[in-house]
Each structure stands twice: as structure tokens, then as C-alpha cells.
N, C-alpha and C. Protein backbone atom coordinates (compact mmCIF):
# COMPACT_ATOMS: atom_id res chain seq x y z
N MET A 1 43.20 -13.46 -1.62
CA MET A 1 42.33 -13.29 -2.77
C MET A 1 40.89 -13.30 -2.28
N LYS A 2 40.13 -12.37 -2.76
CA LYS A 2 38.73 -12.26 -2.38
C LYS A 2 37.85 -12.95 -3.42
N ILE A 3 36.93 -13.76 -2.94
CA ILE A 3 36.03 -14.48 -3.84
C ILE A 3 34.76 -13.66 -3.98
N LEU A 4 34.39 -13.39 -5.20
CA LEU A 4 33.19 -12.63 -5.47
C LEU A 4 32.01 -13.56 -5.66
N ALA A 5 30.90 -13.15 -5.12
CA ALA A 5 29.68 -13.95 -5.28
C ALA A 5 28.90 -13.44 -6.47
N PHE A 6 28.58 -14.32 -7.36
CA PHE A 6 27.79 -13.97 -8.53
C PHE A 6 26.40 -14.55 -8.36
N PRO A 7 25.39 -13.83 -8.84
CA PRO A 7 24.03 -14.37 -8.72
C PRO A 7 23.90 -15.67 -9.50
N VAL A 8 23.23 -16.59 -8.90
CA VAL A 8 23.01 -17.89 -9.53
C VAL A 8 21.79 -17.76 -10.43
N ARG A 9 21.94 -18.11 -11.67
CA ARG A 9 20.81 -18.07 -12.60
C ARG A 9 20.03 -19.37 -12.47
N ARG A 10 18.76 -19.21 -12.23
CA ARG A 10 17.89 -20.38 -12.09
C ARG A 10 17.05 -20.55 -13.34
N PRO A 11 16.72 -21.76 -13.68
CA PRO A 11 15.76 -21.94 -14.76
C PRO A 11 14.42 -21.34 -14.33
N ALA A 12 13.65 -20.89 -15.30
CA ALA A 12 12.41 -20.17 -15.01
C ALA A 12 11.47 -20.95 -14.10
N ASN A 13 11.41 -22.27 -14.22
CA ASN A 13 10.43 -23.03 -13.44
C ASN A 13 10.78 -23.11 -11.96
N THR A 14 12.01 -22.78 -11.53
CA THR A 14 12.36 -22.86 -10.12
C THR A 14 11.95 -21.60 -9.35
N TRP A 15 11.39 -20.62 -10.00
CA TRP A 15 10.89 -19.43 -9.31
C TRP A 15 9.52 -19.70 -8.71
N GLU A 16 8.91 -20.80 -9.09
CA GLU A 16 7.55 -21.06 -8.62
C GLU A 16 7.46 -21.11 -7.10
N GLU A 17 8.35 -21.83 -6.45
CA GLU A 17 8.27 -21.98 -5.00
C GLU A 17 8.37 -20.63 -4.27
N PRO A 18 9.36 -19.77 -4.57
CA PRO A 18 9.41 -18.48 -3.87
C PRO A 18 8.17 -17.61 -4.14
N VAL A 19 7.64 -17.67 -5.33
CA VAL A 19 6.46 -16.87 -5.66
C VAL A 19 5.24 -17.39 -4.89
N TYR A 20 5.05 -18.71 -4.88
CA TYR A 20 3.95 -19.29 -4.12
C TYR A 20 4.07 -18.93 -2.64
N ARG A 21 5.28 -19.05 -2.11
CA ARG A 21 5.50 -18.74 -0.70
C ARG A 21 5.19 -17.27 -0.42
N ALA A 22 5.67 -16.38 -1.28
CA ALA A 22 5.42 -14.94 -1.10
C ALA A 22 3.92 -14.63 -1.19
N LEU A 23 3.24 -15.28 -2.10
CA LEU A 23 1.79 -15.09 -2.21
C LEU A 23 1.08 -15.52 -0.94
N LEU A 24 1.41 -16.69 -0.44
CA LEU A 24 0.76 -17.19 0.77
C LEU A 24 1.07 -16.32 1.98
N GLU A 25 2.30 -15.86 2.10
CA GLU A 25 2.69 -15.03 3.23
C GLU A 25 2.05 -13.64 3.19
N ASN A 26 1.68 -13.17 2.01
CA ASN A 26 1.19 -11.81 1.87
C ASN A 26 -0.27 -11.69 1.48
N LEU A 27 -1.00 -12.79 1.45
CA LEU A 27 -2.41 -12.73 1.05
C LEU A 27 -3.22 -11.78 1.94
N ASP A 28 -3.04 -11.89 3.25
CA ASP A 28 -3.79 -11.03 4.16
C ASP A 28 -3.44 -9.56 3.96
N ALA A 29 -2.15 -9.28 3.81
CA ALA A 29 -1.71 -7.89 3.61
C ALA A 29 -2.20 -7.35 2.27
N LEU A 30 -2.19 -8.19 1.24
CA LEU A 30 -2.69 -7.76 -0.07
C LEU A 30 -4.19 -7.45 0.02
N TYR A 31 -4.94 -8.34 0.67
CA TYR A 31 -6.37 -8.11 0.81
C TYR A 31 -6.64 -6.85 1.63
N SER A 32 -5.94 -6.71 2.74
CA SER A 32 -6.13 -5.55 3.61
C SER A 32 -5.86 -4.25 2.85
N THR A 33 -4.79 -4.23 2.08
CA THR A 33 -4.46 -3.04 1.30
C THR A 33 -5.51 -2.78 0.23
N ALA A 34 -5.92 -3.82 -0.47
CA ALA A 34 -6.95 -3.66 -1.50
C ALA A 34 -8.26 -3.18 -0.88
N ARG A 35 -8.60 -3.70 0.28
CA ARG A 35 -9.83 -3.30 0.97
C ARG A 35 -9.77 -1.83 1.37
N ARG A 36 -8.64 -1.40 1.87
CA ARG A 36 -8.49 0.00 2.27
C ARG A 36 -8.50 0.94 1.07
N LEU A 37 -7.90 0.50 -0.03
CA LEU A 37 -7.85 1.36 -1.21
C LEU A 37 -9.19 1.44 -1.92
N THR A 38 -9.96 0.37 -1.88
CA THR A 38 -11.22 0.35 -2.63
C THR A 38 -12.43 0.58 -1.76
N GLY A 39 -12.37 0.15 -0.51
CA GLY A 39 -13.52 0.27 0.37
C GLY A 39 -14.57 -0.80 0.14
N ARG A 40 -14.28 -1.76 -0.68
CA ARG A 40 -15.25 -2.81 -1.00
C ARG A 40 -14.61 -4.18 -0.85
N ALA A 41 -15.24 -5.04 -0.07
CA ALA A 41 -14.71 -6.38 0.16
C ALA A 41 -14.70 -7.20 -1.14
N ASP A 42 -15.79 -7.12 -1.90
CA ASP A 42 -15.86 -7.91 -3.13
C ASP A 42 -14.80 -7.50 -4.13
N LEU A 43 -14.60 -6.20 -4.28
CA LEU A 43 -13.59 -5.70 -5.21
C LEU A 43 -12.19 -6.06 -4.71
N ALA A 44 -11.96 -5.98 -3.41
CA ALA A 44 -10.66 -6.33 -2.84
C ALA A 44 -10.33 -7.79 -3.13
N GLU A 45 -11.33 -8.67 -2.96
CA GLU A 45 -11.12 -10.08 -3.25
C GLU A 45 -10.78 -10.28 -4.73
N ASP A 46 -11.49 -9.60 -5.60
CA ASP A 46 -11.21 -9.70 -7.05
C ASP A 46 -9.80 -9.21 -7.38
N LEU A 47 -9.39 -8.11 -6.75
CA LEU A 47 -8.06 -7.56 -7.02
C LEU A 47 -6.96 -8.51 -6.53
N VAL A 48 -7.16 -9.13 -5.37
CA VAL A 48 -6.17 -10.08 -4.87
C VAL A 48 -6.12 -11.31 -5.78
N GLN A 49 -7.26 -11.76 -6.22
CA GLN A 49 -7.30 -12.89 -7.16
C GLN A 49 -6.58 -12.53 -8.45
N ASP A 50 -6.83 -11.34 -8.96
CA ASP A 50 -6.17 -10.87 -10.17
C ASP A 50 -4.65 -10.76 -9.95
N THR A 51 -4.26 -10.26 -8.78
CA THR A 51 -2.84 -10.14 -8.45
C THR A 51 -2.18 -11.51 -8.44
N ALA A 52 -2.81 -12.49 -7.79
CA ALA A 52 -2.25 -13.83 -7.73
C ALA A 52 -2.14 -14.44 -9.11
N SER A 53 -3.18 -14.27 -9.91
CA SER A 53 -3.18 -14.82 -11.26
C SER A 53 -2.05 -14.21 -12.11
N LYS A 54 -1.93 -12.88 -12.05
CA LYS A 54 -0.88 -12.21 -12.83
C LYS A 54 0.51 -12.60 -12.34
N ALA A 55 0.68 -12.74 -11.02
CA ALA A 55 1.98 -13.13 -10.48
C ALA A 55 2.36 -14.53 -10.96
N LEU A 56 1.41 -15.44 -10.92
CA LEU A 56 1.71 -16.81 -11.35
C LEU A 56 2.00 -16.87 -12.85
N GLN A 57 1.29 -16.05 -13.62
CA GLN A 57 1.55 -16.02 -15.07
C GLN A 57 2.91 -15.41 -15.39
N ALA A 58 3.40 -14.52 -14.50
CA ALA A 58 4.65 -13.81 -14.76
C ALA A 58 5.88 -14.57 -14.27
N ILE A 59 5.69 -15.73 -13.67
CA ILE A 59 6.84 -16.50 -13.15
C ILE A 59 7.91 -16.72 -14.22
N PRO A 60 7.56 -17.10 -15.44
CA PRO A 60 8.62 -17.33 -16.44
C PRO A 60 9.45 -16.08 -16.75
N THR A 61 8.92 -14.91 -16.54
CA THR A 61 9.66 -13.68 -16.84
C THR A 61 10.40 -13.11 -15.64
N LEU A 62 10.23 -13.71 -14.47
CA LEU A 62 10.85 -13.23 -13.24
C LEU A 62 12.35 -13.44 -13.29
N LYS A 63 13.10 -12.37 -12.97
CA LYS A 63 14.55 -12.46 -13.04
C LYS A 63 15.20 -12.45 -11.65
N ASP A 64 14.46 -12.00 -10.64
CA ASP A 64 15.05 -11.86 -9.31
C ASP A 64 13.96 -12.06 -8.27
N ASP A 65 14.26 -12.78 -7.20
CA ASP A 65 13.26 -13.01 -6.17
C ASP A 65 13.58 -12.28 -4.87
N ARG A 66 14.43 -11.25 -4.94
CA ARG A 66 14.84 -10.56 -3.72
C ARG A 66 13.72 -9.75 -3.09
N ASN A 67 12.83 -9.17 -3.86
CA ASN A 67 11.77 -8.35 -3.27
C ASN A 67 10.42 -8.73 -3.86
N LEU A 68 10.05 -9.95 -3.64
CA LEU A 68 8.78 -10.44 -4.18
C LEU A 68 7.58 -9.73 -3.56
N ARG A 69 7.70 -9.34 -2.30
CA ARG A 69 6.58 -8.66 -1.63
C ARG A 69 6.25 -7.35 -2.34
N ALA A 70 7.25 -6.54 -2.61
CA ALA A 70 7.02 -5.28 -3.33
C ALA A 70 6.49 -5.55 -4.73
N TRP A 71 6.99 -6.58 -5.37
CA TRP A 71 6.53 -6.96 -6.71
C TRP A 71 5.04 -7.30 -6.68
N LEU A 72 4.61 -8.06 -5.66
CA LEU A 72 3.20 -8.41 -5.54
C LEU A 72 2.33 -7.18 -5.31
N PHE A 73 2.78 -6.26 -4.47
CA PHE A 73 2.00 -5.06 -4.22
C PHE A 73 1.96 -4.15 -5.44
N ARG A 74 3.01 -4.17 -6.23
CA ARG A 74 2.99 -3.40 -7.48
C ARG A 74 1.95 -3.97 -8.44
N ILE A 75 1.88 -5.28 -8.51
CA ILE A 75 0.86 -5.92 -9.34
C ILE A 75 -0.53 -5.53 -8.84
N LEU A 76 -0.73 -5.52 -7.51
CA LEU A 76 -2.01 -5.13 -6.93
C LEU A 76 -2.37 -3.69 -7.31
N VAL A 77 -1.42 -2.77 -7.16
CA VAL A 77 -1.68 -1.36 -7.50
C VAL A 77 -2.02 -1.24 -8.98
N ASN A 78 -1.29 -1.96 -9.83
CA ASN A 78 -1.58 -1.91 -11.26
C ASN A 78 -2.94 -2.50 -11.58
N SER A 79 -3.34 -3.55 -10.87
CA SER A 79 -4.67 -4.13 -11.07
C SER A 79 -5.75 -3.13 -10.68
N LEU A 80 -5.52 -2.40 -9.60
CA LEU A 80 -6.47 -1.37 -9.19
C LEU A 80 -6.54 -0.26 -10.24
N ARG A 81 -5.40 0.13 -10.77
CA ARG A 81 -5.39 1.14 -11.84
C ARG A 81 -6.21 0.68 -13.04
N ASP A 82 -6.01 -0.59 -13.41
CA ASP A 82 -6.77 -1.13 -14.54
C ASP A 82 -8.26 -1.07 -14.26
N PHE A 83 -8.66 -1.42 -13.04
CA PHE A 83 -10.07 -1.37 -12.67
C PHE A 83 -10.59 0.07 -12.75
N LEU A 84 -9.83 1.01 -12.23
CA LEU A 84 -10.28 2.41 -12.22
C LEU A 84 -10.38 2.98 -13.63
N ARG A 85 -9.56 2.49 -14.54
CA ARG A 85 -9.67 2.93 -15.94
C ARG A 85 -10.99 2.45 -16.55
N ARG A 86 -11.40 1.25 -16.14
CA ARG A 86 -12.65 0.70 -16.67
C ARG A 86 -13.87 1.31 -16.00
N GLU A 87 -13.79 1.58 -14.68
CA GLU A 87 -14.91 2.11 -13.92
C GLU A 87 -14.44 3.26 -13.03
N PRO A 88 -14.16 4.42 -13.61
CA PRO A 88 -13.58 5.52 -12.83
C PRO A 88 -14.52 6.10 -11.77
N ASP A 89 -15.82 5.87 -11.87
CA ASP A 89 -16.74 6.45 -10.90
C ASP A 89 -17.07 5.51 -9.74
N GLY A 90 -16.42 4.35 -9.68
CA GLY A 90 -16.69 3.41 -8.59
C GLY A 90 -16.24 3.97 -7.25
N PRO A 91 -16.91 3.58 -6.15
CA PRO A 91 -16.52 4.09 -4.84
C PRO A 91 -15.15 3.54 -4.44
N LEU A 92 -14.33 4.37 -3.82
CA LEU A 92 -13.01 3.93 -3.41
C LEU A 92 -12.92 3.61 -1.93
N ILE A 93 -13.69 4.24 -1.10
CA ILE A 93 -13.56 4.00 0.32
C ILE A 93 -14.93 4.03 0.99
N GLU A 94 -15.17 3.08 1.85
CA GLU A 94 -16.36 3.08 2.69
C GLU A 94 -15.92 3.44 4.10
N PRO A 95 -16.85 3.89 4.95
CA PRO A 95 -16.46 4.31 6.30
C PRO A 95 -15.84 3.22 7.16
N ASP A 96 -16.06 1.94 6.88
CA ASP A 96 -15.56 0.90 7.77
C ASP A 96 -14.28 0.22 7.28
N THR A 97 -13.43 0.93 6.55
CA THR A 97 -12.29 0.27 5.93
C THR A 97 -11.02 0.27 6.75
N LEU A 98 -10.89 1.08 7.77
CA LEU A 98 -9.65 1.14 8.53
C LEU A 98 -9.96 0.86 9.99
N THR A 99 -9.27 -0.09 10.56
CA THR A 99 -9.50 -0.40 11.97
C THR A 99 -8.40 0.21 12.81
N ALA A 100 -8.71 0.54 14.05
CA ALA A 100 -7.73 1.09 14.98
C ALA A 100 -7.96 0.45 16.33
N ALA A 101 -7.29 -0.68 16.57
CA ALA A 101 -7.53 -1.47 17.78
C ALA A 101 -7.06 -0.75 19.03
N ALA A 102 -6.07 0.12 18.90
CA ALA A 102 -5.49 0.74 20.09
C ALA A 102 -6.26 1.97 20.56
N VAL A 103 -7.26 2.38 19.84
CA VAL A 103 -8.01 3.58 20.23
C VAL A 103 -9.49 3.25 20.34
N SER A 104 -10.24 4.17 20.91
CA SER A 104 -11.67 3.92 21.09
C SER A 104 -12.40 3.89 19.76
N ARG A 105 -13.63 3.42 19.79
CA ARG A 105 -14.43 3.35 18.56
C ARG A 105 -14.61 4.74 17.94
N ALA A 106 -14.82 5.73 18.77
CA ALA A 106 -15.01 7.09 18.24
C ALA A 106 -13.75 7.59 17.55
N ALA A 107 -12.62 7.35 18.17
CA ALA A 107 -11.36 7.78 17.56
C ALA A 107 -11.11 7.00 16.27
N ALA A 108 -11.42 5.71 16.29
CA ALA A 108 -11.24 4.89 15.08
C ALA A 108 -12.11 5.43 13.95
N HIS A 109 -13.33 5.81 14.29
CA HIS A 109 -14.21 6.38 13.27
C HIS A 109 -13.61 7.66 12.69
N ASP A 110 -13.05 8.51 13.57
CA ASP A 110 -12.44 9.75 13.10
C ASP A 110 -11.21 9.50 12.24
N VAL A 111 -10.42 8.50 12.62
CA VAL A 111 -9.24 8.16 11.82
C VAL A 111 -9.69 7.67 10.44
N ARG A 112 -10.70 6.80 10.43
CA ARG A 112 -11.22 6.32 9.14
C ARG A 112 -11.72 7.47 8.30
N ALA A 113 -12.47 8.37 8.90
CA ALA A 113 -13.00 9.51 8.16
C ALA A 113 -11.86 10.39 7.63
N ALA A 114 -10.81 10.57 8.42
CA ALA A 114 -9.68 11.39 7.99
C ALA A 114 -8.96 10.75 6.80
N VAL A 115 -8.73 9.44 6.87
CA VAL A 115 -8.07 8.74 5.76
C VAL A 115 -8.99 8.72 4.54
N ASP A 116 -10.28 8.51 4.77
CA ASP A 116 -11.25 8.51 3.67
C ASP A 116 -11.27 9.83 2.94
N GLY A 117 -11.02 10.91 3.68
CA GLY A 117 -11.08 12.25 3.10
C GLY A 117 -9.87 12.60 2.25
N LEU A 118 -8.83 11.79 2.31
CA LEU A 118 -7.65 12.04 1.49
C LEU A 118 -7.94 11.74 0.02
N SER A 119 -7.19 12.36 -0.85
CA SER A 119 -7.32 12.03 -2.27
C SER A 119 -6.86 10.59 -2.47
N PRO A 120 -7.30 9.94 -3.54
CA PRO A 120 -6.87 8.55 -3.79
C PRO A 120 -5.35 8.40 -3.84
N CYS A 121 -4.65 9.38 -4.40
CA CYS A 121 -3.19 9.30 -4.48
C CYS A 121 -2.56 9.37 -3.09
N ALA A 122 -3.03 10.32 -2.28
CA ALA A 122 -2.50 10.47 -0.93
C ALA A 122 -2.85 9.24 -0.08
N ARG A 123 -4.05 8.72 -0.25
CA ARG A 123 -4.48 7.54 0.49
C ARG A 123 -3.59 6.35 0.14
N ALA A 124 -3.29 6.17 -1.12
CA ALA A 124 -2.43 5.05 -1.54
C ALA A 124 -1.05 5.17 -0.91
N VAL A 125 -0.48 6.38 -0.90
CA VAL A 125 0.84 6.58 -0.32
C VAL A 125 0.81 6.30 1.18
N ILE A 126 -0.19 6.81 1.88
CA ILE A 126 -0.31 6.57 3.33
C ILE A 126 -0.44 5.08 3.62
N ILE A 127 -1.27 4.39 2.87
CA ILE A 127 -1.49 2.97 3.13
C ILE A 127 -0.23 2.16 2.83
N LEU A 128 0.41 2.43 1.71
CA LEU A 128 1.61 1.66 1.37
C LEU A 128 2.75 1.90 2.35
N ILE A 129 2.95 3.16 2.76
CA ILE A 129 4.10 3.48 3.61
C ILE A 129 3.78 3.33 5.09
N GLU A 130 2.71 3.93 5.55
CA GLU A 130 2.40 3.92 6.98
C GLU A 130 1.75 2.63 7.45
N VAL A 131 0.93 2.02 6.62
CA VAL A 131 0.23 0.81 7.05
C VAL A 131 1.02 -0.44 6.67
N GLN A 132 1.46 -0.52 5.43
CA GLN A 132 2.15 -1.73 4.97
C GLN A 132 3.65 -1.70 5.20
N GLY A 133 4.22 -0.54 5.51
CA GLY A 133 5.63 -0.46 5.88
C GLY A 133 6.62 -0.45 4.74
N PHE A 134 6.18 -0.11 3.54
CA PHE A 134 7.12 -0.01 2.43
C PHE A 134 7.92 1.27 2.54
N THR A 135 9.10 1.29 1.93
CA THR A 135 9.90 2.51 1.89
C THR A 135 9.36 3.44 0.81
N ILE A 136 9.83 4.66 0.83
CA ILE A 136 9.40 5.63 -0.19
C ILE A 136 9.80 5.14 -1.58
N SER A 137 11.01 4.61 -1.71
CA SER A 137 11.43 4.15 -3.04
C SER A 137 10.62 2.94 -3.51
N GLU A 138 10.26 2.04 -2.58
CA GLU A 138 9.43 0.90 -2.96
C GLU A 138 8.04 1.37 -3.38
N ALA A 139 7.46 2.30 -2.62
CA ALA A 139 6.14 2.83 -2.98
C ALA A 139 6.21 3.55 -4.32
N ALA A 140 7.29 4.28 -4.55
CA ALA A 140 7.46 4.99 -5.83
C ALA A 140 7.49 4.00 -6.99
N SER A 141 8.19 2.91 -6.79
CA SER A 141 8.26 1.88 -7.83
C SER A 141 6.89 1.28 -8.09
N MET A 142 6.15 0.99 -7.01
CA MET A 142 4.82 0.39 -7.17
C MET A 142 3.85 1.34 -7.85
N LEU A 143 3.92 2.62 -7.48
CA LEU A 143 2.99 3.60 -8.03
C LEU A 143 3.48 4.19 -9.35
N GLN A 144 4.70 3.84 -9.72
CA GLN A 144 5.33 4.30 -10.96
C GLN A 144 5.39 5.82 -11.04
N ILE A 145 5.85 6.42 -9.94
CA ILE A 145 6.08 7.86 -9.86
C ILE A 145 7.43 8.08 -9.19
N PRO A 146 8.04 9.25 -9.36
CA PRO A 146 9.35 9.50 -8.75
C PRO A 146 9.28 9.48 -7.22
N PRO A 147 10.37 9.05 -6.57
CA PRO A 147 10.41 9.03 -5.10
C PRO A 147 10.15 10.41 -4.48
N GLY A 148 10.61 11.45 -5.12
CA GLY A 148 10.36 12.80 -4.60
C GLY A 148 8.88 13.13 -4.58
N THR A 149 8.16 12.67 -5.57
CA THR A 149 6.71 12.89 -5.61
C THR A 149 6.04 12.12 -4.48
N VAL A 150 6.48 10.89 -4.24
CA VAL A 150 5.93 10.10 -3.14
C VAL A 150 6.21 10.80 -1.81
N ALA A 151 7.44 11.28 -1.64
CA ALA A 151 7.81 11.94 -0.39
C ALA A 151 6.97 13.20 -0.16
N SER A 152 6.74 13.98 -1.21
CA SER A 152 5.94 15.19 -1.03
C SER A 152 4.47 14.86 -0.79
N ARG A 153 3.95 13.83 -1.47
CA ARG A 153 2.56 13.41 -1.21
C ARG A 153 2.42 12.88 0.20
N LEU A 154 3.42 12.15 0.67
CA LEU A 154 3.39 11.61 2.03
C LEU A 154 3.40 12.76 3.04
N ALA A 155 4.25 13.74 2.83
CA ALA A 155 4.32 14.87 3.75
C ALA A 155 3.00 15.63 3.77
N ARG A 156 2.42 15.88 2.60
CA ARG A 156 1.13 16.59 2.55
C ARG A 156 0.02 15.75 3.18
N ALA A 157 0.03 14.44 2.94
CA ALA A 157 -1.01 13.57 3.52
C ALA A 157 -0.88 13.53 5.04
N ARG A 158 0.35 13.44 5.54
CA ARG A 158 0.54 13.45 6.99
C ARG A 158 0.07 14.77 7.60
N THR A 159 0.39 15.88 6.94
CA THR A 159 -0.06 17.18 7.44
C THR A 159 -1.57 17.26 7.44
N GLU A 160 -2.19 16.80 6.37
CA GLU A 160 -3.65 16.83 6.28
C GLU A 160 -4.28 15.95 7.36
N LEU A 161 -3.71 14.77 7.58
CA LEU A 161 -4.22 13.90 8.63
C LEU A 161 -4.02 14.53 10.01
N ARG A 162 -2.87 15.15 10.22
CA ARG A 162 -2.60 15.81 11.49
C ARG A 162 -3.61 16.92 11.74
N ASP A 163 -3.92 17.69 10.71
CA ASP A 163 -4.91 18.77 10.84
C ASP A 163 -6.30 18.21 11.12
N ARG A 164 -6.67 17.16 10.41
CA ARG A 164 -8.00 16.57 10.59
C ARG A 164 -8.17 15.93 11.97
N LEU A 165 -7.06 15.46 12.53
CA LEU A 165 -7.12 14.76 13.81
C LEU A 165 -6.55 15.61 14.96
N ALA A 166 -6.49 16.92 14.78
CA ALA A 166 -5.91 17.83 15.77
C ALA A 166 -6.63 17.75 17.11
N VAL A 167 -7.88 17.38 17.12
CA VAL A 167 -8.64 17.29 18.36
C VAL A 167 -8.04 16.23 19.30
N TYR A 168 -7.28 15.27 18.77
CA TYR A 168 -6.66 14.23 19.59
C TYR A 168 -5.26 14.60 20.04
N ASP A 169 -4.76 15.75 19.65
CA ASP A 169 -3.42 16.18 20.04
C ASP A 169 -3.43 16.57 21.51
N CYS A 170 -2.70 15.85 22.33
CA CYS A 170 -2.69 16.08 23.78
C CYS A 170 -1.56 17.01 24.21
N ARG A 171 -0.71 17.40 23.30
CA ARG A 171 0.41 18.28 23.67
C ARG A 171 -0.11 19.67 24.00
N PRO A 172 0.51 20.32 24.98
CA PRO A 172 0.08 21.69 25.30
C PRO A 172 0.40 22.62 24.14
N ARG A 173 -0.51 23.50 23.86
CA ARG A 173 -0.32 24.44 22.75
C ARG A 173 0.38 25.68 23.24
N GLN A 174 1.33 26.17 22.43
CA GLN A 174 2.03 27.39 22.78
C GLN A 174 1.25 28.57 22.23
N SER A 175 1.22 29.63 23.00
CA SER A 175 0.55 30.83 22.49
C SER A 175 1.46 31.50 21.47
N GLU A 176 0.91 32.44 20.73
CA GLU A 176 1.65 33.03 19.61
C GLU A 176 2.93 33.72 20.04
N GLY A 177 2.97 34.31 21.23
CA GLY A 177 4.16 35.04 21.68
C GLY A 177 5.25 34.15 22.21
N GLN A 178 4.96 32.89 22.51
CA GLN A 178 5.95 31.99 23.07
C GLN A 178 6.65 31.21 21.98
N GLU A 179 7.89 30.80 22.29
CA GLU A 179 8.62 29.95 21.36
C GLU A 179 9.15 28.75 22.04
């Protein structure tokens, strides 16, 4: 006979510890993402504060703690959306928002400029998937768009970044007649 495991229902107040732990473990990543998306340290701090506040207020309604990290980033993205609705003309990216420790300062500047040049939607997809390591379906859930839309935006953003950074491509180029 096979024993089936059923999810254990916890009283609402026992979700506090996992939420606090997830918040503490992800504060730097939340701030880094907010900073990259907005380009402003002060706004990033406000968004992380707002995210933490909303997460703590939502503890009584939490039904599952399996993916608290994605839940926190979704709250962050929604907080940014709320901000942009109130102040749509605010700056989203400054030149010093993306660091690249493995490359020279000049290359890092070019990478920042290339990411800065992306549309806000493409930038959000690149940051969530390429920088923060979320899956396409997790990013789709956070951005509240279909996974296919995320995948196509990611492909277009990667192509645009590849084109913008083509000067760093070290592979030999084939001439038109060669295959």
C-alpha cells in the first residue's frame, strides 16, 4: 500500500517565520533588481521597503510557502508598476546600474549602455531571467503576462543585446559565400 502525502495546513500565524527568512535571504537581490529596474538608489530602497511591508501584511492570506522568492519578486514588480502609474515620466535607468566584475570598465560601461537601451519590458525580462535566474514561467507570473510573451521578449532582448555588443564577439566571421 502506498501512503500519499497531503499538504499540512498551517494556521496563518505560522507562515511568519518562512516569510521573514525569505525576506532576509533575498533583501540584497530585491534591492539589486529594483536598482537595475529603476536606476535610482532611493527609489530602489523605497520599493524594497514597500515589498517587505506588503509581504508582511499578506502573511495571513498566504496559502503556500514553496516559492516565496518568486512571490517576493512579484510583489516588487507590482510595487514598481504602482510607482510608474503614479509617476510615468520618472527615470528608469542610470548609466551606473549594472556591474560587470569579470570584464573591463569599458566593457562594463558598454554592457550597461546596452541594457539601458532596452525597453522597460525587455529590461525587466532580462534582469529577472538572466540576472536573477528565474524561469520563464516564474517571470511570466511575476510580470502577469503569458510565458510565450516572456519567451519572445527574452529572445528579442537577447538579440538586441547581441547586436549592441557585437564589437566584443571574438568568433571568426564567415563570409557570405561560406556556410
